[in-house]
Amino acid sequence: MYAMRLWATRHARLLEAGYNIFDPIVKALDPLWRGIGYKRLEKPFVVLETWTKGALFDCQMCGRCILRASGMSCSMNCP
């Protein structure tokens, strides 16, 4: 896991570029998300987010995320 965190920190620009490409696509699919229902989609997205952010950034899901501002390294001391 530590190697994944180092990779994520070293390739923060790549991750940021991927986010900038992926974000408008997700927003454009809003009619689809509304049709399925946000409440139905919330649980799978939270599971995916928890796993991804935990593996790449050692995120504790504290709700005070500053990954974009901190170069993709979690500097929070979550309980």
N, C-alpha and C. Protein backbone atom coordinates (compact mmCIF):
# COMPACT_ATOMS: atom_id res chain seq x y z
N MET A 1 0.81 -1.19 0.00
CA MET A 1 0.00 0.00 0.00
C MET A 1 0.86 1.27 0.00
N TYR A 2 1.97 1.22 0.72
CA TYR A 2 2.83 2.39 0.77
C TYR A 2 3.36 2.74 -0.61
N ALA A 3 3.68 1.73 -1.41
CA ALA A 3 4.17 1.98 -2.76
C ALA A 3 3.10 2.68 -3.61
N MET A 4 1.83 2.30 -3.40
CA MET A 4 0.75 2.96 -4.14
C MET A 4 0.62 4.43 -3.72
N ARG A 5 0.80 4.70 -2.43
CA ARG A 5 0.72 6.09 -1.96
C ARG A 5 1.86 6.92 -2.52
N LEU A 6 3.05 6.34 -2.58
CA LEU A 6 4.17 7.07 -3.17
C LEU A 6 3.92 7.35 -4.65
N TRP A 7 3.38 6.35 -5.36
CA TRP A 7 3.08 6.54 -6.77
C TRP A 7 2.06 7.66 -6.95
N ALA A 8 1.01 7.66 -6.13
CA ALA A 8 -0.03 8.68 -6.24
C ALA A 8 0.53 10.07 -5.98
N THR A 9 1.43 10.19 -5.03
CA THR A 9 2.03 11.49 -4.73
C THR A 9 2.94 11.94 -5.85
N ARG A 10 3.71 11.03 -6.39
CA ARG A 10 4.64 11.37 -7.48
C ARG A 10 3.93 11.68 -8.79
N HIS A 11 2.74 11.12 -8.97
CA HIS A 11 2.00 11.33 -10.21
C HIS A 11 0.73 12.14 -9.99
N ALA A 12 0.83 13.13 -9.12
CA ALA A 12 -0.33 13.96 -8.79
C ALA A 12 -0.87 14.69 -10.02
N ARG A 13 0.02 15.14 -10.89
CA ARG A 13 -0.45 15.84 -12.10
C ARG A 13 -1.25 14.92 -13.01
N LEU A 14 -0.81 13.69 -13.14
CA LEU A 14 -1.54 12.71 -13.94
C LEU A 14 -2.93 12.46 -13.35
N LEU A 15 -3.00 12.29 -12.04
CA LEU A 15 -4.29 12.07 -11.39
C LEU A 15 -5.20 13.29 -11.53
N GLU A 16 -4.61 14.48 -11.42
CA GLU A 16 -5.39 15.71 -11.59
C GLU A 16 -5.92 15.82 -13.02
N ALA A 17 -5.10 15.47 -14.00
CA ALA A 17 -5.54 15.50 -15.40
C ALA A 17 -6.66 14.49 -15.63
N GLY A 18 -6.52 13.31 -15.06
CA GLY A 18 -7.59 12.31 -15.18
C GLY A 18 -8.88 12.79 -14.56
N TYR A 19 -8.77 13.44 -13.42
CA TYR A 19 -9.96 14.00 -12.77
C TYR A 19 -10.60 15.06 -13.66
N ASN A 20 -9.79 15.93 -14.23
CA ASN A 20 -10.32 17.01 -15.08
C ASN A 20 -10.99 16.47 -16.35
N ILE A 21 -10.58 15.31 -16.81
CA ILE A 21 -11.22 14.68 -17.97
C ILE A 21 -12.50 13.97 -17.54
N PHE A 22 -12.44 13.27 -16.43
CA PHE A 22 -13.55 12.43 -15.98
C PHE A 22 -14.71 13.24 -15.40
N ASP A 23 -14.42 14.34 -14.74
CA ASP A 23 -15.46 15.14 -14.07
C ASP A 23 -16.55 15.65 -15.02
N PRO A 24 -16.21 16.27 -16.16
CA PRO A 24 -17.27 16.73 -17.06
C PRO A 24 -18.12 15.60 -17.63
N ILE A 25 -17.53 14.42 -17.80
CA ILE A 25 -18.28 13.28 -18.31
C ILE A 25 -19.33 12.86 -17.28
N VAL A 26 -18.94 12.80 -16.03
CA VAL A 26 -19.88 12.43 -14.97
C VAL A 26 -21.00 13.46 -14.87
N LYS A 27 -20.65 14.74 -14.98
CA LYS A 27 -21.65 15.80 -14.92
C LYS A 27 -22.59 15.75 -16.12
N ALA A 28 -22.07 15.40 -17.28
CA ALA A 28 -22.90 15.32 -18.48
C ALA A 28 -23.90 14.16 -18.39
N LEU A 29 -23.57 13.16 -17.60
CA LEU A 29 -24.46 12.01 -17.44
C LEU A 29 -25.50 12.22 -16.34
N ASP A 30 -25.67 13.45 -15.90
CA ASP A 30 -26.63 13.76 -14.84
C ASP A 30 -28.04 13.24 -15.13
N PRO A 31 -28.57 13.38 -16.36
CA PRO A 31 -29.91 12.82 -16.61
C PRO A 31 -29.98 11.31 -16.34
N LEU A 32 -28.94 10.61 -16.66
CA LEU A 32 -28.89 9.18 -16.39
C LEU A 32 -28.89 8.92 -14.88
N TRP A 33 -28.05 9.65 -14.16
CA TRP A 33 -27.98 9.49 -12.70
C TRP A 33 -29.34 9.79 -12.06
N ARG A 34 -30.02 10.82 -12.55
CA ARG A 34 -31.35 11.16 -12.01
C ARG A 34 -32.35 10.05 -12.29
N GLY A 35 -32.26 9.46 -13.49
CA GLY A 35 -33.16 8.38 -13.85
C GLY A 35 -32.97 7.15 -12.97
N ILE A 36 -31.73 6.84 -12.67
CA ILE A 36 -31.44 5.69 -11.80
C ILE A 36 -31.79 6.02 -10.36
N GLY A 37 -31.51 7.25 -9.97
CA GLY A 37 -31.78 7.68 -8.60
C GLY A 37 -30.49 7.84 -7.82
N TYR A 38 -30.28 9.03 -7.28
CA TYR A 38 -29.05 9.31 -6.54
C TYR A 38 -28.92 8.44 -5.29
N LYS A 39 -30.02 8.16 -4.63
CA LYS A 39 -29.96 7.34 -3.41
C LYS A 39 -29.49 5.92 -3.73
N ARG A 40 -29.89 5.39 -4.88
CA ARG A 40 -29.44 4.06 -5.29
C ARG A 40 -27.96 4.05 -5.64
N LEU A 41 -27.47 5.14 -6.21
CA LEU A 41 -26.08 5.20 -6.66
C LEU A 41 -25.10 5.57 -5.56
N GLU A 42 -25.62 6.14 -4.48
CA GLU A 42 -24.73 6.65 -3.44
C GLU A 42 -23.87 5.55 -2.82
N LYS A 43 -24.45 4.44 -2.45
CA LYS A 43 -23.69 3.39 -1.77
C LYS A 43 -22.56 2.82 -2.63
N PRO A 44 -22.81 2.45 -3.90
CA PRO A 44 -21.69 1.94 -4.71
C PRO A 44 -20.59 2.99 -4.92
N PHE A 45 -20.96 4.25 -5.08
CA PHE A 45 -19.96 5.29 -5.28
C PHE A 45 -19.14 5.52 -4.01
N VAL A 46 -19.78 5.45 -2.85
CA VAL A 46 -19.06 5.63 -1.59
C VAL A 46 -18.09 4.47 -1.37
N VAL A 47 -18.51 3.26 -1.70
CA VAL A 47 -17.61 2.10 -1.56
C VAL A 47 -16.41 2.27 -2.48
N LEU A 48 -16.64 2.65 -3.72
CA LEU A 48 -15.55 2.87 -4.67
C LEU A 48 -14.62 3.99 -4.20
N GLU A 49 -15.19 5.09 -3.74
CA GLU A 49 -14.40 6.23 -3.27
C GLU A 49 -13.57 5.84 -2.04
N THR A 50 -14.19 5.12 -1.11
CA THR A 50 -13.49 4.72 0.11
C THR A 50 -12.30 3.83 -0.22
N TRP A 51 -12.51 2.84 -1.08
CA TRP A 51 -11.42 1.94 -1.44
C TRP A 51 -10.30 2.68 -2.17
N THR A 52 -10.68 3.49 -3.16
CA THR A 52 -9.67 4.19 -3.97
C THR A 52 -8.87 5.18 -3.15
N LYS A 53 -9.56 6.04 -2.42
CA LYS A 53 -8.86 7.05 -1.63
C LYS A 53 -8.07 6.43 -0.48
N GLY A 54 -8.57 5.34 0.06
CA GLY A 54 -7.84 4.65 1.12
C GLY A 54 -6.54 4.03 0.61
N ALA A 55 -6.63 3.38 -0.54
CA ALA A 55 -5.45 2.71 -1.11
C ALA A 55 -4.41 3.71 -1.61
N LEU A 56 -4.87 4.75 -2.29
CA LEU A 56 -3.92 5.69 -2.89
C LEU A 56 -3.41 6.76 -1.94
N PHE A 57 -4.25 7.21 -1.03
CA PHE A 57 -3.88 8.37 -0.22
C PHE A 57 -3.95 8.13 1.28
N ASP A 58 -4.22 6.92 1.73
CA ASP A 58 -4.41 6.59 3.14
C ASP A 58 -5.49 7.47 3.76
N CYS A 59 -6.55 7.68 3.01
CA CYS A 59 -7.64 8.55 3.43
C CYS A 59 -8.51 7.83 4.46
N GLN A 60 -8.92 8.55 5.49
CA GLN A 60 -9.77 8.01 6.54
C GLN A 60 -11.22 8.46 6.38
N MET A 61 -11.54 9.15 5.27
CA MET A 61 -12.90 9.63 4.98
C MET A 61 -13.43 10.52 6.11
N CYS A 62 -12.62 11.48 6.52
CA CYS A 62 -12.99 12.35 7.63
C CYS A 62 -13.96 13.46 7.21
N GLY A 63 -14.07 13.72 5.92
CA GLY A 63 -14.98 14.76 5.44
C GLY A 63 -14.31 16.12 5.27
N ARG A 64 -13.03 16.21 5.54
CA ARG A 64 -12.29 17.46 5.39
C ARG A 64 -11.23 17.32 4.30
N CYS A 65 -11.63 16.77 3.17
CA CYS A 65 -10.68 16.41 2.12
C CYS A 65 -10.06 17.64 1.46
N ILE A 66 -8.74 17.62 1.37
CA ILE A 66 -8.00 18.69 0.69
C ILE A 66 -7.00 18.08 -0.30
N LEU A 67 -7.31 16.91 -0.83
CA LEU A 67 -6.37 16.22 -1.72
C LEU A 67 -5.99 17.07 -2.92
N ARG A 68 -6.95 17.76 -3.53
CA ARG A 68 -6.63 18.56 -4.71
C ARG A 68 -5.71 19.72 -4.35
N ALA A 69 -5.87 20.28 -3.18
CA ALA A 69 -5.07 21.44 -2.77
C ALA A 69 -3.70 21.05 -2.25
N SER A 70 -3.54 19.79 -1.83
CA SER A 70 -2.28 19.38 -1.20
C SER A 70 -1.41 18.51 -2.09
N GLY A 71 -1.63 18.53 -3.39
CA GLY A 71 -0.81 17.72 -4.29
C GLY A 71 -1.08 16.25 -4.16
N MET A 72 -2.33 15.89 -3.89
CA MET A 72 -2.77 14.51 -3.78
C MET A 72 -2.12 13.74 -2.64
N SER A 73 -1.79 14.44 -1.55
CA SER A 73 -1.30 13.75 -0.36
C SER A 73 -2.14 14.22 0.81
N CYS A 74 -2.66 13.27 1.55
CA CYS A 74 -3.54 13.59 2.67
C CYS A 74 -2.71 14.05 3.86
N SER A 75 -2.93 15.26 4.28
CA SER A 75 -2.18 15.82 5.40
C SER A 75 -3.03 15.93 6.66
N MET A 76 -4.25 15.42 6.60
CA MET A 76 -5.16 15.50 7.74
C MET A 76 -4.80 14.43 8.77
N ASN A 77 -4.91 14.78 10.02
CA ASN A 77 -4.72 13.82 11.11
C ASN A 77 -6.09 13.42 11.62
N CYS A 78 -6.73 12.52 10.90
CA CYS A 78 -8.09 12.11 11.23
C CYS A 78 -8.09 11.19 12.43
N PRO A 79 -9.17 11.21 13.20
CA PRO A 79 -9.26 10.32 14.36
C PRO A 79 -9.43 8.88 13.92
